[in-house]
Amino acid sequence: MAYDRERRSAPTAAEREARKIFRQAEAKEALTDYAKAQKAFHENRERLKAERLAREAEAANRTKAG
């Protein structure tokens, strides 16, 4: 194992640039996935809130009418 580390040379400029671009692409993809998850969460929360408000309004109308 130590022998492999000794044989390994420093990355070339092209390798460093490729790694940099690859990391940037991964970060962008992760942010995109995060944004999609956040959007889905907020949409679901708003849907559930609307359903709850509708149930509460219906219950209030029943108590007034009843």
Protein backbone atom coordinates (compact mmCIF):
# COMPACT_ATOMS: atom_id res chain seq x y z
CA MET A 1 0.00 0.00 0.00
CA ALA A 2 2.77 2.43 0.90
CA TYR A 3 4.49 1.53 -2.35
CA ASP A 4 1.45 2.65 -4.36
CA ARG A 5 1.44 6.05 -2.67
CA GLU A 6 5.09 6.55 -3.47
CA ARG A 7 4.57 5.69 -7.16
CA ARG A 8 1.59 8.01 -7.50
CA SER A 9 2.51 11.33 -9.03
CA ALA A 10 0.82 14.66 -8.55
CA PRO A 11 -2.21 15.23 -10.80
CA THR A 12 -1.57 17.09 -13.99
CA ALA A 13 -3.19 20.43 -14.71
CA ALA A 14 -5.68 18.73 -17.02
CA GLU A 15 -6.61 16.20 -14.31
CA ARG A 16 -7.07 18.99 -11.75
CA GLU A 17 -9.26 20.93 -14.16
CA ALA A 18 -11.33 17.83 -14.96
CA ARG A 19 -11.84 17.13 -11.24
CA LYS A 20 -12.84 20.76 -10.67
CA ILE A 21 -15.44 20.65 -13.44
CA PHE A 22 -16.74 17.29 -12.24
CA ARG A 23 -17.13 18.60 -8.66
CA GLN A 24 -18.97 21.67 -9.94
CA ALA A 25 -21.35 19.50 -11.96
CA GLU A 26 -22.01 17.27 -8.94
CA ALA A 27 -22.68 20.30 -6.74
CA LYS A 28 -25.09 21.75 -9.29
CA GLU A 29 -26.92 18.41 -9.55
CA ALA A 30 -27.16 18.16 -5.77
CA LEU A 31 -28.60 21.66 -5.55
CA THR A 32 -31.07 20.84 -8.31
CA ASP A 33 -32.17 17.71 -6.43
CA TYR A 34 -32.47 19.75 -3.24
CA ALA A 35 -34.54 22.42 -4.99
CA LYS A 36 -36.88 19.77 -6.43
CA ALA A 37 -37.33 18.22 -3.00
CA GLN A 38 -38.03 21.61 -1.42
CA LYS A 39 -40.57 22.50 -4.11
CA ALA A 40 -42.37 19.18 -3.65
CA PHE A 41 -42.39 19.65 0.13
CA HIS A 42 -43.84 23.17 -0.09
CA GLU A 43 -46.47 22.16 -2.64
CA ASN A 44 -47.56 19.25 -0.45
CA ARG A 45 -47.66 21.47 2.63
CA GLU A 46 -49.86 24.01 0.82
CA ARG A 47 -52.19 21.25 -0.39
CA LEU A 48 -52.54 19.85 3.12
CA LYS A 49 -53.12 23.34 4.53
CA ALA A 50 -55.90 23.97 2.00
CA GLU A 51 -57.53 20.64 2.87
CA ARG A 52 -57.34 21.44 6.59
CA LEU A 53 -58.85 24.90 6.11
CA ALA A 54 -61.65 23.42 4.02
CA ARG A 55 -62.43 20.84 6.76
CA GLU A 56 -62.39 23.55 9.43
CA ALA A 57 -64.70 25.78 7.38
CA GLU A 58 -67.08 22.88 6.79
CA ALA A 59 -67.10 22.04 10.50
CA ALA A 60 -67.78 25.70 11.38
CA ASN A 61 -70.68 25.83 8.90
CA ARG A 62 -72.18 22.67 10.40
CA THR A 63 -72.07 24.05 13.93
CA LYS A 64 -73.73 27.32 12.79
CA ALA A 65 -76.44 25.46 10.87
CA GLY A 66 -76.97 22.78 13.47
